[in-house]
Amino acid sequence: MTTAITETNFTEIGMPKRGKVRDIYDFGRQLLIVTTDRISAFDVIMPEGVPSKGHVLNRISELWFKNLTDIIPNHLITCDPADYPEVCYKHAVELWGRSMLVKKTQPLKVECVVRGYITGSGWGSYQKSGTVCGIALPPGLVESDKLPEAIFTPTTKAESGHDLPITFEQMVNLIGYELAIQVRDASLRLYHQGSWLASQAGIIIADSKFEFGLLDGELILIDELLTPDSSRFWPADEYRPGGPQKSFDKQYLRDYLVSISWNQKPPAPHLPPEVIESTKEKYLEAMERLESVLI
């Protein structure tokens, strides 16, 4: 099995800010985002990474950023290490395929989730109250049903731990009405266009998370875009509403962790080689399918 890259230490570049998956190096007005092979589930980072996962996420985001610029500008400058700041050249081989140089923005303190299907935490909320983030849904839906129309369900953006669902009105209180309208409309357009393109590759995007920032007062799409980490990808030919779906994302890993009755709190359990390999294969298939329609 190929070795997973779970951490970067480019001392000449500086100390990175480490997220759940990405190591971020700050160049002032630009950021170097290095996508590692770390994988998290239930907001906890697993002790083992998934080989090639960083390359998959970086490649998929790059393709979407280049294909959806007609909807909203994004932060991508380049994924070619030859065009990075000179201090990065020594690490070009390690950076190739798993990094991108981006514009630095002021991130908004919300995450913008769009749901086209009722699943995950949305399904749990619907079972309890018939609503998701304060939005009333039709009665009689079953798990994984397609919604009559996609809904915008924002969350808080937690530095650690779980993001919390909020209503649109609560988001307005956090970022202001005009900005809230902008991010809601952009999120819905990104989801609809992305879903249509993914459908050409036999993938259903059940839901997805988008993040935005401000650059000189302009709203910019940031972070990752329509990846198996930020979205639920289902094979269209195997879609059957009425229960959980097979997926091209880390739902397989989540299902394994549920099956062993892990309490979803640190420390995370060690992952068997077969779980790591199967997860890797699902990520790679998602990338290959999307490359067939986005290149």
C-alpha atoms as a PDB file:
ATOM      1  CA  MET A   1       0.000   0.000   0.000  1.00  0.00           C
ATOM      2  CA  THR A   2       1.275   3.489  -0.865  1.00  0.00           C
ATOM      3  CA  THR A   3       2.265   5.517   2.183  1.00  0.00           C
ATOM      4  CA  ALA A   4      -0.208   8.188   3.234  1.00  0.00           C
ATOM      5  CA  ILE A   5       1.058  11.762   3.671  1.00  0.00           C
ATOM      6  CA  THR A   6      -0.600  12.932   6.874  1.00  0.00           C
ATOM      7  CA  GLU A   7       1.568  15.937   7.716  1.00  0.00           C
ATOM      8  CA  THR A   8       3.845  18.437   5.977  1.00  0.00           C
ATOM      9  CA  ASN A   9       6.828  20.200   7.525  1.00  0.00           C
ATOM     10  CA  PHE A  10       8.322  22.640   5.052  1.00  0.00           C
ATOM     11  CA  THR A  11      10.470  24.612   7.484  1.00  0.00           C
ATOM     12  CA  GLU A  12      11.728  27.049   4.820  1.00  0.00           C
ATOM     13  CA  ILE A  13       8.128  28.034   4.055  1.00  0.00           C
ATOM     14  CA  GLY A  14       7.072  28.445   7.679  1.00  0.00           C
ATOM     15  CA  MET A  15       4.835  26.756  10.204  1.00  0.00           C
ATOM     16  CA  PRO A  16       1.479  25.755   8.750  1.00  0.00           C
ATOM     17  CA  LYS A  17      -1.943  26.147  10.248  1.00  0.00           C
ATOM     18  CA  ARG A  18      -3.293  22.623  10.329  1.00  0.00           C
ATOM     19  CA  GLY A  19      -6.944  21.890   9.657  1.00  0.00           C
ATOM     20  CA  LYS A  20      -8.604  18.493   9.683  1.00  0.00           C
ATOM     21  CA  VAL A  21      -7.184  17.733   6.228  1.00  0.00           C
ATOM     22  CA  ARG A  22      -5.213  20.740   4.971  1.00  0.00           C
ATOM     23  CA  ASP A  23      -1.926  22.356   5.993  1.00  0.00           C
ATOM     24  CA  ILE A  24      -2.030  26.087   5.175  1.00  0.00           C
ATOM     25  CA  TYR A  25       1.088  28.220   4.692  1.00  0.00           C
ATOM     26  CA  ASP A  26       0.646  31.980   4.813  1.00  0.00           C
ATOM     27  CA  PHE A  27       2.412  34.267   2.282  1.00  0.00           C
ATOM     28  CA  GLY A  28       0.617  37.456   3.244  1.00  0.00           C
ATOM     29  CA  ARG A  29      -1.844  38.096   0.417  1.00  0.00           C
ATOM     30  CA  GLN A  30      -1.613  34.497  -0.757  1.00  0.00           C
ATOM     31  CA  LEU A  31      -1.959  31.102   0.903  1.00  0.00           C
ATOM     32  CA  LEU A  32      -0.414  27.776  -0.039  1.00  0.00           C
ATOM     33  CA  ILE A  33      -2.948  25.049   0.724  1.00  0.00           C
ATOM     34  CA  VAL A  34      -1.492  21.547   0.915  1.00  0.00           C
ATOM     35  CA  THR A  35      -4.088  18.772   0.970  1.00  0.00           C
ATOM     36  CA  THR A  36      -2.804  15.869   3.056  1.00  0.00           C
ATOM     37  CA  ASP A  37      -4.117  12.313   3.190  1.00  0.00           C
ATOM     38  CA  ARG A  38      -5.630  12.831   6.640  1.00  0.00           C
ATOM     39  CA  ILE A  39      -9.229  11.759   6.977  1.00  0.00           C
ATOM     40  CA  SER A  40     -11.756  12.671   9.642  1.00  0.00           C
ATOM     41  CA  ALA A  41     -15.122  11.259  10.594  1.00  0.00           C
ATOM     42  CA  PHE A  42     -17.598  12.752  13.039  1.00  0.00           C
ATOM     43  CA  ASP A  43     -15.166  15.690  13.301  1.00  0.00           C
ATOM     44  CA  VAL A  44     -12.356  13.479  14.640  1.00  0.00           C
ATOM     45  CA  ILE A  45      -9.133  12.880  12.684  1.00  0.00           C
ATOM     46  CA  MET A  46      -8.319   9.206  12.188  1.00  0.00           C
ATOM     47  CA  PRO A  47      -4.874   7.919  13.229  1.00  0.00           C
ATOM     48  CA  GLU A  48      -4.207   6.606   9.706  1.00  0.00           C
ATOM     49  CA  GLY A  49      -4.515   8.523   6.462  1.00  0.00           C
ATOM     50  CA  VAL A  50      -5.869   7.320   3.115  1.00  0.00           C
ATOM     51  CA  PRO A  51      -3.130   7.211   0.437  1.00  0.00           C
ATOM     52  CA  SER A  52      -3.812   9.427  -2.621  1.00  0.00           C
ATOM     53  CA  LYS A  53      -6.790  11.120  -0.911  1.00  0.00           C
ATOM     54  CA  GLY A  54      -5.017  14.500  -0.918  1.00  0.00           C
ATOM     55  CA  HIS A  55      -4.375  14.279  -4.647  1.00  0.00           C
ATOM     56  CA  VAL A  56      -8.009  13.363  -5.283  1.00  0.00           C
ATOM     57  CA  LEU A  57      -9.430  16.265  -3.265  1.00  0.00           C
ATOM     58  CA  ASN A  58      -7.009  18.776  -4.766  1.00  0.00           C
ATOM     59  CA  ARG A  59      -7.708  17.627  -8.327  1.00  0.00           C
ATOM     60  CA  ILE A  60     -11.488  17.626  -7.939  1.00  0.00           C
ATOM     61  CA  SER A  61     -11.501  21.110  -6.399  1.00  0.00           C
ATOM     62  CA  GLU A  62      -9.226  22.411  -9.164  1.00  0.00           C
ATOM     63  CA  LEU A  63     -11.576  21.069 -11.862  1.00  0.00           C
ATOM     64  CA  TRP A  64     -14.684  22.537 -10.237  1.00  0.00           C
ATOM     65  CA  PHE A  65     -13.023  25.909  -9.618  1.00  0.00           C
ATOM     66  CA  LYS A  66     -12.158  26.110 -13.320  1.00  0.00           C
ATOM     67  CA  ASN A  67     -15.616  24.971 -14.479  1.00  0.00           C
ATOM     68  CA  LEU A  68     -17.829  27.110 -12.237  1.00  0.00           C
ATOM     69  CA  THR A  69     -16.196  30.555 -12.470  1.00  0.00           C
ATOM     70  CA  ASP A  70     -19.241  31.855 -14.352  1.00  0.00           C
ATOM     71  CA  ILE A  71     -21.231  31.616 -11.113  1.00  0.00           C
ATOM     72  CA  ILE A  72     -18.813  33.320  -8.707  1.00  0.00           C
ATOM     73  CA  PRO A  73     -15.070  34.157  -8.612  1.00  0.00           C
ATOM     74  CA  ASN A  74     -12.928  31.785  -6.557  1.00  0.00           C
ATOM     75  CA  HIS A  75      -9.609  31.947  -4.744  1.00  0.00           C
ATOM     76  CA  LEU A  76      -7.574  29.627  -7.023  1.00  0.00           C
ATOM     77  CA  ILE A  77      -4.422  31.131  -8.556  1.00  0.00           C
ATOM     78  CA  THR A  78      -2.536  28.019  -9.689  1.00  0.00           C
ATOM     79  CA  CYS A  79      -1.872  24.368  -8.882  1.00  0.00           C
ATOM     80  CA  ASP A  80       1.532  24.401 -10.625  1.00  0.00           C
ATOM     81  CA  PRO A  81       4.443  24.504  -8.133  1.00  0.00           C
ATOM     82  CA  ALA A  82       6.564  26.168 -10.827  1.00  0.00           C
ATOM     83  CA  ASP A  83       4.391  29.265 -10.317  1.00  0.00           C
ATOM     84  CA  TYR A  84       4.560  29.220  -6.518  1.00  0.00           C
ATOM     85  CA  PRO A  85       6.832  31.548  -4.525  1.00  0.00           C
ATOM     86  CA  GLU A  86      10.496  30.627  -4.977  1.00  0.00           C
ATOM     87  CA  VAL A  87      10.821  29.332  -1.421  1.00  0.00           C
ATOM     88  CA  CYS A  88       8.518  26.431  -2.429  1.00  0.00           C
ATOM     89  CA  TYR A  89      10.680  25.167  -5.299  1.00  0.00           C
ATOM     90  CA  LYS A  90      12.697  22.806  -3.092  1.00  0.00           C
ATOM     91  CA  HIS A  91       9.485  20.960  -2.262  1.00  0.00           C
ATOM     92  CA  ALA A  92       7.963  20.926  -5.764  1.00  0.00           C
ATOM     93  CA  VAL A  93       7.834  17.131  -5.959  1.00  0.00           C
ATOM     94  CA  GLU A  94       5.959  16.826  -2.661  1.00  0.00           C
ATOM     95  CA  LEU A  95       3.646  19.702  -3.550  1.00  0.00           C
ATOM     96  CA  TRP A  96       2.806  18.501  -7.055  1.00  0.00           C
ATOM     97  CA  GLY A  97      -0.793  17.327  -7.333  1.00  0.00           C
ATOM     98  CA  ARG A  98      -1.802  17.996  -3.737  1.00  0.00           C
ATOM     99  CA  SER A  99      -1.482  21.768  -3.376  1.00  0.00           C
ATOM    100  CA  MET A 100      -2.802  25.056  -4.691  1.00  0.00           C
ATOM    101  CA  LEU A 101      -1.765  28.679  -4.372  1.00  0.00           C
ATOM    102  CA  VAL A 102      -4.805  30.807  -3.579  1.00  0.00           C
ATOM    103  CA  LYS A 103      -5.820  34.369  -2.809  1.00  0.00           C
ATOM    104  CA  LYS A 104      -6.075  35.108   0.890  1.00  0.00           C
ATOM    105  CA  THR A 105      -9.522  36.285   1.951  1.00  0.00           C
ATOM    106  CA  GLN A 106     -11.402  37.089   5.118  1.00  0.00           C
ATOM    107  CA  PRO A 107     -13.467  33.886   5.583  1.00  0.00           C
ATOM    108  CA  LEU A 108     -17.124  34.219   6.507  1.00  0.00           C
ATOM    109  CA  LYS A 109     -18.007  32.628   9.832  1.00  0.00           C
ATOM    110  CA  VAL A 110     -20.661  30.369   8.348  1.00  0.00           C
ATOM    111  CA  GLU A 111     -20.684  27.220   6.260  1.00  0.00           C
ATOM    112  CA  CYS A 112     -23.217  27.062   3.466  1.00  0.00           C
ATOM    113  CA  VAL A 113     -24.860  23.672   3.067  1.00  0.00           C
ATOM    114  CA  VAL A 114     -27.213  22.863   0.204  1.00  0.00           C
ATOM    115  CA  ARG A 115     -29.315  19.701   0.406  1.00  0.00           C
ATOM    116  CA  GLY A 116     -30.980  18.150  -2.622  1.00  0.00           C
ATOM    117  CA  TYR A 117     -31.840  14.903  -0.843  1.00  0.00           C
ATOM    118  CA  ILE A 118     -32.941  14.111   2.700  1.00  0.00           C
ATOM    119  CA  THR A 119     -30.089  12.258   4.410  1.00  0.00           C
ATOM    120  CA  GLY A 120     -27.567  12.485   7.242  1.00  0.00           C
ATOM    121  CA  SER A 121     -28.320  14.999   9.981  1.00  0.00           C
ATOM    122  CA  GLY A 122     -31.079  16.463   7.810  1.00  0.00           C
ATOM    123  CA  TRP A 123     -32.904  13.136   7.878  1.00  0.00           C
ATOM    124  CA  GLY A 124     -32.520  12.982  11.659  1.00  0.00           C
ATOM    125  CA  SER A 125     -33.965  16.482  12.042  1.00  0.00           C
ATOM    126  CA  TYR A 126     -36.843  15.708   9.658  1.00  0.00           C
ATOM    127  CA  GLN A 127     -37.778  12.586  11.619  1.00  0.00           C
ATOM    128  CA  LYS A 128     -38.026  14.609  14.817  1.00  0.00           C
ATOM    129  CA  SER A 129     -39.770  17.759  13.618  1.00  0.00           C
ATOM    130  CA  GLY A 130     -40.520  17.577   9.891  1.00  0.00           C
ATOM    131  CA  THR A 131     -38.081  20.446   9.400  1.00  0.00           C
ATOM    132  CA  VAL A 132     -34.416  21.049   8.573  1.00  0.00           C
ATOM    133  CA  CYS A 133     -32.830  24.276   9.855  1.00  0.00           C
ATOM    134  CA  GLY A 134     -36.296  25.719  10.363  1.00  0.00           C
ATOM    135  CA  ILE A 135     -37.456  24.803   6.840  1.00  0.00           C
ATOM    136  CA  ALA A 136     -40.673  22.772   6.789  1.00  0.00           C
ATOM    137  CA  LEU A 137     -40.551  19.805   4.398  1.00  0.00           C
ATOM    138  CA  PRO A 138     -43.431  17.771   2.924  1.00  0.00           C
ATOM    139  CA  PRO A 139     -44.740  14.919   5.092  1.00  0.00           C
ATOM    140  CA  GLY A 140     -44.096  11.306   4.133  1.00  0.00           C
ATOM    141  CA  LEU A 141     -40.500  11.589   2.915  1.00  0.00           C
ATOM    142  CA  VAL A 142     -38.327   8.504   3.287  1.00  0.00           C
ATOM    143  CA  GLU A 143     -34.581   8.458   3.914  1.00  0.00           C
ATOM    144  CA  SER A 144     -32.572   9.540   0.838  1.00  0.00           C
ATOM    145  CA  ASP A 145     -35.641  10.921  -0.978  1.00  0.00           C
ATOM    146  CA  LYS A 146     -34.995  13.680  -3.477  1.00  0.00           C
ATOM    147  CA  LEU A 147     -36.433  16.930  -2.160  1.00  0.00           C
ATOM    148  CA  PRO A 148     -38.974  18.867  -4.246  1.00  0.00           C
ATOM    149  CA  GLU A 149     -36.313  21.564  -4.505  1.00  0.00           C
ATOM    150  CA  ALA A 150     -32.845  21.975  -3.038  1.00  0.00           C
ATOM    151  CA  ILE A 151     -32.761  23.789   0.314  1.00  0.00           C
ATOM    152  CA  PHE A 152     -30.127  26.068   1.833  1.00  0.00           C
ATOM    153  CA  THR A 153     -29.236  25.029   5.401  1.00  0.00           C
ATOM    154  CA  PRO A 154     -26.313  27.016   6.846  1.00  0.00           C
ATOM    155  CA  THR A 155     -24.259  26.092   9.891  1.00  0.00           C
ATOM    156  CA  THR A 156     -21.862  27.828  12.209  1.00  0.00           C
ATOM    157  CA  LYS A 157     -18.165  27.421  11.423  1.00  0.00           C
ATOM    158  CA  ALA A 158     -16.476  25.859  14.437  1.00  0.00           C
ATOM    159  CA  GLU A 159     -12.680  26.003  14.848  1.00  0.00           C
ATOM    160  CA  SER A 160     -12.943  22.587  16.477  1.00  0.00           C
ATOM    161  CA  GLY A 161     -15.743  20.150  17.201  1.00  0.00           C
ATOM    162  CA  HIS A 162     -19.118  20.152  15.509  1.00  0.00           C
ATOM    163  CA  ASP A 163     -20.621  22.884  13.346  1.00  0.00           C
ATOM    164  CA  LEU A 164     -24.144  23.723  14.502  1.00  0.00           C
ATOM    165  CA  PRO A 165     -27.145  24.177  12.187  1.00  0.00           C
ATOM    166  CA  ILE A 166     -28.658  27.665  12.087  1.00  0.00           C
ATOM    167  CA  THR A 167     -31.615  29.236  10.337  1.00  0.00           C
ATOM    168  CA  PHE A 168     -31.246  31.708   7.492  1.00  0.00           C
ATOM    169  CA  GLU A 169     -32.407  34.439   9.867  1.00  0.00           C
ATOM    170  CA  GLN A 170     -29.636  33.555  12.318  1.00  0.00           C
ATOM    171  CA  MET A 171     -27.125  33.702   9.461  1.00  0.00           C
ATOM    172  CA  VAL A 172     -28.401  37.185   8.615  1.00  0.00           C
ATOM    173  CA  ASN A 173     -27.650  38.219  12.192  1.00  0.00           C
ATOM    174  CA  LEU A 174     -24.092  36.879  11.817  1.00  0.00           C
ATOM    175  CA  ILE A 175     -23.075  38.322   8.433  1.00  0.00           C
ATOM    176  CA  GLY A 176     -25.784  40.782   7.380  1.00  0.00           C
ATOM    177  CA  TYR A 177     -28.756  40.556   5.036  1.00  0.00           C
ATOM    178  CA  GLU A 178     -27.146  41.458   1.703  1.00  0.00           C
ATOM    179  CA  LEU A 179     -24.207  39.108   2.195  1.00  0.00           C
ATOM    180  CA  ALA A 180     -26.510  36.325   3.375  1.00  0.00           C
ATOM    181  CA  ILE A 181     -28.586  36.659   0.192  1.00  0.00           C
ATOM    182  CA  GLN A 182     -25.418  36.570  -1.942  1.00  0.00           C
ATOM    183  CA  VAL A 183     -24.005  33.431  -0.363  1.00  0.00           C
ATOM    184  CA  ARG A 184     -27.362  31.655  -0.356  1.00  0.00           C
ATOM    185  CA  ASP A 185     -27.951  32.352  -4.050  1.00  0.00           C
ATOM    186  CA  ALA A 186     -24.371  31.458  -5.029  1.00  0.00           C
ATOM    187  CA  SER A 187     -24.534  28.223  -3.023  1.00  0.00           C
ATOM    188  CA  LEU A 188     -27.760  27.138  -4.688  1.00  0.00           C
ATOM    189  CA  ARG A 189     -26.426  27.937  -8.159  1.00  0.00           C
ATOM    190  CA  LEU A 190     -23.187  26.068  -7.487  1.00  0.00           C
ATOM    191  CA  TYR A 191     -25.125  23.063  -6.245  1.00  0.00           C
ATOM    192  CA  HIS A 192     -27.524  22.994  -9.198  1.00  0.00           C
ATOM    193  CA  GLN A 193     -24.820  23.400 -11.849  1.00  0.00           C
ATOM    194  CA  GLY A 194     -22.472  20.987 -10.084  1.00  0.00           C
ATOM    195  CA  SER A 195     -25.222  18.405  -9.678  1.00  0.00           C
ATOM    196  CA  TRP A 196     -26.107  18.592 -13.357  1.00  0.00           C
ATOM    197  CA  LEU A 197     -22.488  18.135 -14.443  1.00  0.00           C
ATOM    198  CA  ALA A 198     -21.923  15.298 -11.948  1.00  0.00           C
ATOM    199  CA  SER A 199     -25.044  13.557 -13.224  1.00  0.00           C
ATOM    200  CA  GLN A 200     -23.317  13.258 -16.610  1.00  0.00           C
ATOM    201  CA  ALA A 201     -20.715  11.133 -14.788  1.00  0.00           C
ATOM    202  CA  GLY A 202     -23.325   8.971 -13.055  1.00  0.00           C
ATOM    203  CA  ILE A 203     -22.945  10.718  -9.696  1.00  0.00           C
ATOM    204  CA  ILE A 204     -25.749  12.116  -7.541  1.00  0.00           C
ATOM    205  CA  ILE A 205     -24.595  14.959  -5.282  1.00  0.00           C
ATOM    206  CA  ALA A 206     -26.973  14.529  -2.377  1.00  0.00           C
ATOM    207  CA  ASP A 207     -25.698  17.580  -0.516  1.00  0.00           C
ATOM    208  CA  SER A 208     -22.634  19.789  -0.353  1.00  0.00           C
ATOM    209  CA  LYS A 209     -20.918  22.417   1.774  1.00  0.00           C
ATOM    210  CA  PHE A 210     -19.553  25.700   0.390  1.00  0.00           C
ATOM    211  CA  GLU A 211     -17.359  28.312   2.013  1.00  0.00           C
ATOM    212  CA  PHE A 212     -16.872  31.951   1.115  1.00  0.00           C
ATOM    213  CA  GLY A 213     -14.596  34.845   1.971  1.00  0.00           C
ATOM    214  CA  LEU A 214     -14.283  38.545   1.246  1.00  0.00           C
ATOM    215  CA  LEU A 215     -11.423  39.995  -0.798  1.00  0.00           C
ATOM    216  CA  ASP A 216     -11.390  43.794  -1.065  1.00  0.00           C
ATOM    217  CA  GLY A 217     -15.140  43.739  -0.461  1.00  0.00           C
ATOM    218  CA  GLU A 218     -15.833  41.108  -3.152  1.00  0.00           C
ATOM    219  CA  LEU A 219     -17.432  37.765  -2.311  1.00  0.00           C
ATOM    220  CA  ILE A 220     -15.071  34.900  -3.231  1.00  0.00           C
ATOM    221  CA  LEU A 221     -15.572  31.127  -3.186  1.00  0.00           C
ATOM    222  CA  ILE A 222     -12.849  29.479  -1.061  1.00  0.00           C
ATOM    223  CA  ASP A 223     -11.670  26.235   0.558  1.00  0.00           C
ATOM    224  CA  GLU A 224     -12.637  23.096  -1.397  1.00  0.00           C
ATOM    225  CA  LEU A 225     -15.434  22.611  -3.898  1.00  0.00           C
ATOM    226  CA  LEU A 226     -17.797  19.670  -4.467  1.00  0.00           C
ATOM    227  CA  THR A 227     -15.362  17.020  -3.232  1.00  0.00           C
ATOM    228  CA  PRO A 228     -16.102  13.687  -1.534  1.00  0.00           C
ATOM    229  CA  ASP A 229     -15.105  15.363   1.755  1.00  0.00           C
ATOM    230  CA  SER A 230     -17.493  18.311   1.427  1.00  0.00           C
ATOM    231  CA  SER A 231     -20.334  16.441  -0.320  1.00  0.00           C
ATOM    232  CA  ARG A 232     -22.238  13.182  -0.387  1.00  0.00           C
ATOM    233  CA  PHE A 233     -21.656  11.441  -3.738  1.00  0.00           C
ATOM    234  CA  TRP A 234     -23.976   8.548  -4.625  1.00  0.00           C
ATOM    235  CA  PRO A 235     -23.797   6.250  -7.695  1.00  0.00           C
ATOM    236  CA  ALA A 236     -26.875   7.171  -9.732  1.00  0.00           C
ATOM    237  CA  ASP A 237     -27.406   3.666 -11.082  1.00  0.00           C
ATOM    238  CA  GLU A 238     -27.695   2.229  -7.563  1.00  0.00           C
ATOM    239  CA  TYR A 239     -29.868   4.958  -6.043  1.00  0.00           C
ATOM    240  CA  ARG A 240     -32.797   3.510  -4.096  1.00  0.00           C
ATOM    241  CA  PRO A 241     -34.679   5.854  -1.705  1.00  0.00           C
ATOM    242  CA  GLY A 242     -35.862   4.368   1.560  1.00  0.00           C
ATOM    243  CA  GLY A 243     -32.541   3.918   3.354  1.00  0.00           C
ATOM    244  CA  PRO A 244     -28.823   4.739   3.287  1.00  0.00           C
ATOM    245  CA  GLN A 245     -27.099   4.809  -0.110  1.00  0.00           C
ATOM    246  CA  LYS A 246     -23.840   3.436  -1.430  1.00  0.00           C
ATOM    247  CA  SER A 247     -21.390   6.287  -1.847  1.00  0.00           C
ATOM    248  CA  PHE A 248     -18.131   7.548  -3.330  1.00  0.00           C
ATOM    249  CA  ASP A 249     -17.285   9.512  -0.198  1.00  0.00           C
ATOM    250  CA  LYS A 250     -16.292   8.775   3.398  1.00  0.00           C
ATOM    251  CA  GLN A 251     -19.737   7.471   4.314  1.00  0.00           C
ATOM    252  CA  TYR A 252     -18.184   4.017   3.953  1.00  0.00           C
ATOM    253  CA  LEU A 253     -15.735   4.949   6.720  1.00  0.00           C
ATOM    254  CA  ARG A 254     -18.508   6.405   8.889  1.00  0.00           C
ATOM    255  CA  ASP A 255     -20.533   3.198   8.475  1.00  0.00           C
ATOM    256  CA  TYR A 256     -17.543   1.111   9.545  1.00  0.00           C
ATOM    257  CA  LEU A 257     -17.017   3.263  12.645  1.00  0.00           C
ATOM    258  CA  VAL A 258     -20.694   2.942  13.565  1.00  0.00           C
ATOM    259  CA  SER A 259     -20.491  -0.834  13.108  1.00  0.00           C
ATOM    260  CA  ILE A 260     -17.737  -1.100  15.754  1.00  0.00           C
ATOM    261  CA  SER A 261     -19.721   1.079  18.206  1.00  0.00           C
ATOM    262  CA  TRP A 262     -17.060   3.783  18.492  1.00  0.00           C
ATOM    263  CA  ASN A 263     -18.310   6.622  20.707  1.00  0.00           C
ATOM    264  CA  GLN A 264     -17.305   9.285  18.119  1.00  0.00           C
ATOM    265  CA  LYS A 265     -14.919  10.964  20.546  1.00  0.00           C
ATOM    266  CA  PRO A 266     -11.089  11.139  20.522  1.00  0.00           C
ATOM    267  CA  PRO A 267      -9.046   9.072  20.359  1.00  0.00           C
ATOM    268  CA  ALA A 268     -10.225   7.543  17.088  1.00  0.00           C
ATOM    269  CA  PRO A 269      -9.705   3.810  16.588  1.00  0.00           C
ATOM    270  CA  HIS A 270      -7.051   2.450  14.244  1.00  0.00           C
ATOM    271  CA  LEU A 271      -8.386   1.573  10.790  1.00  0.00           C
ATOM    272  CA  PRO A 272      -7.933  -1.898   9.273  1.00  0.00           C
ATOM    273  CA  PRO A 273      -5.971  -1.955   5.957  1.00  0.00           C
ATOM    274  CA  GLU A 274      -9.042  -3.154   4.056  1.00  0.00           C
ATOM    275  CA  VAL A 275     -11.097  -0.163   5.249  1.00  0.00           C
ATOM    276  CA  ILE A 276      -8.326   2.242   4.186  1.00  0.00           C
ATOM    277  CA  GLU A 277      -7.974   0.573   0.782  1.00  0.00           C
ATOM    278  CA  SER A 278     -11.730   0.516   0.110  1.00  0.00           C
ATOM    279  CA  THR A 279     -12.025   4.177   1.078  1.00  0.00           C
ATOM    280  CA  LYS A 280      -9.135   5.033  -1.255  1.00  0.00           C
ATOM    281  CA  GLU A 281     -10.824   3.201  -4.144  1.00  0.00           C
ATOM    282  CA  LYS A 282     -14.072   5.148  -3.636  1.00  0.00           C
ATOM    283  CA  TYR A 283     -12.257   8.494  -3.712  1.00  0.00           C
ATOM    284  CA  LEU A 284     -10.304   7.531  -6.837  1.00  0.00           C
ATOM    285  CA  GLU A 285     -13.455   6.414  -8.653  1.00  0.00           C
ATOM    286  CA  ALA A 286     -15.143   9.727  -7.850  1.00  0.00           C
ATOM    287  CA  MET A 287     -12.177  11.618  -9.335  1.00  0.00           C
ATOM    288  CA  GLU A 288     -12.035   9.479 -12.465  1.00  0.00           C
ATOM    289  CA  ARG A 289     -15.761   9.864 -13.112  1.00  0.00           C
ATOM    290  CA  LEU A 290     -15.649  13.640 -12.649  1.00  0.00           C
ATOM    291  CA  GLU A 291     -12.547  14.012 -14.826  1.00  0.00           C
ATOM    292  CA  SER A 292     -14.526  12.398 -17.655  1.00  0.00           C
ATOM    293  CA  VAL A 293     -16.941  15.361 -17.746  1.00  0.00           C
ATOM    294  CA  LEU A 294     -14.937  18.295 -16.334  1.00  0.00           C
ATOM    295  CA  ILE A 295     -11.781  18.185 -18.456  1.00  0.00           C
END
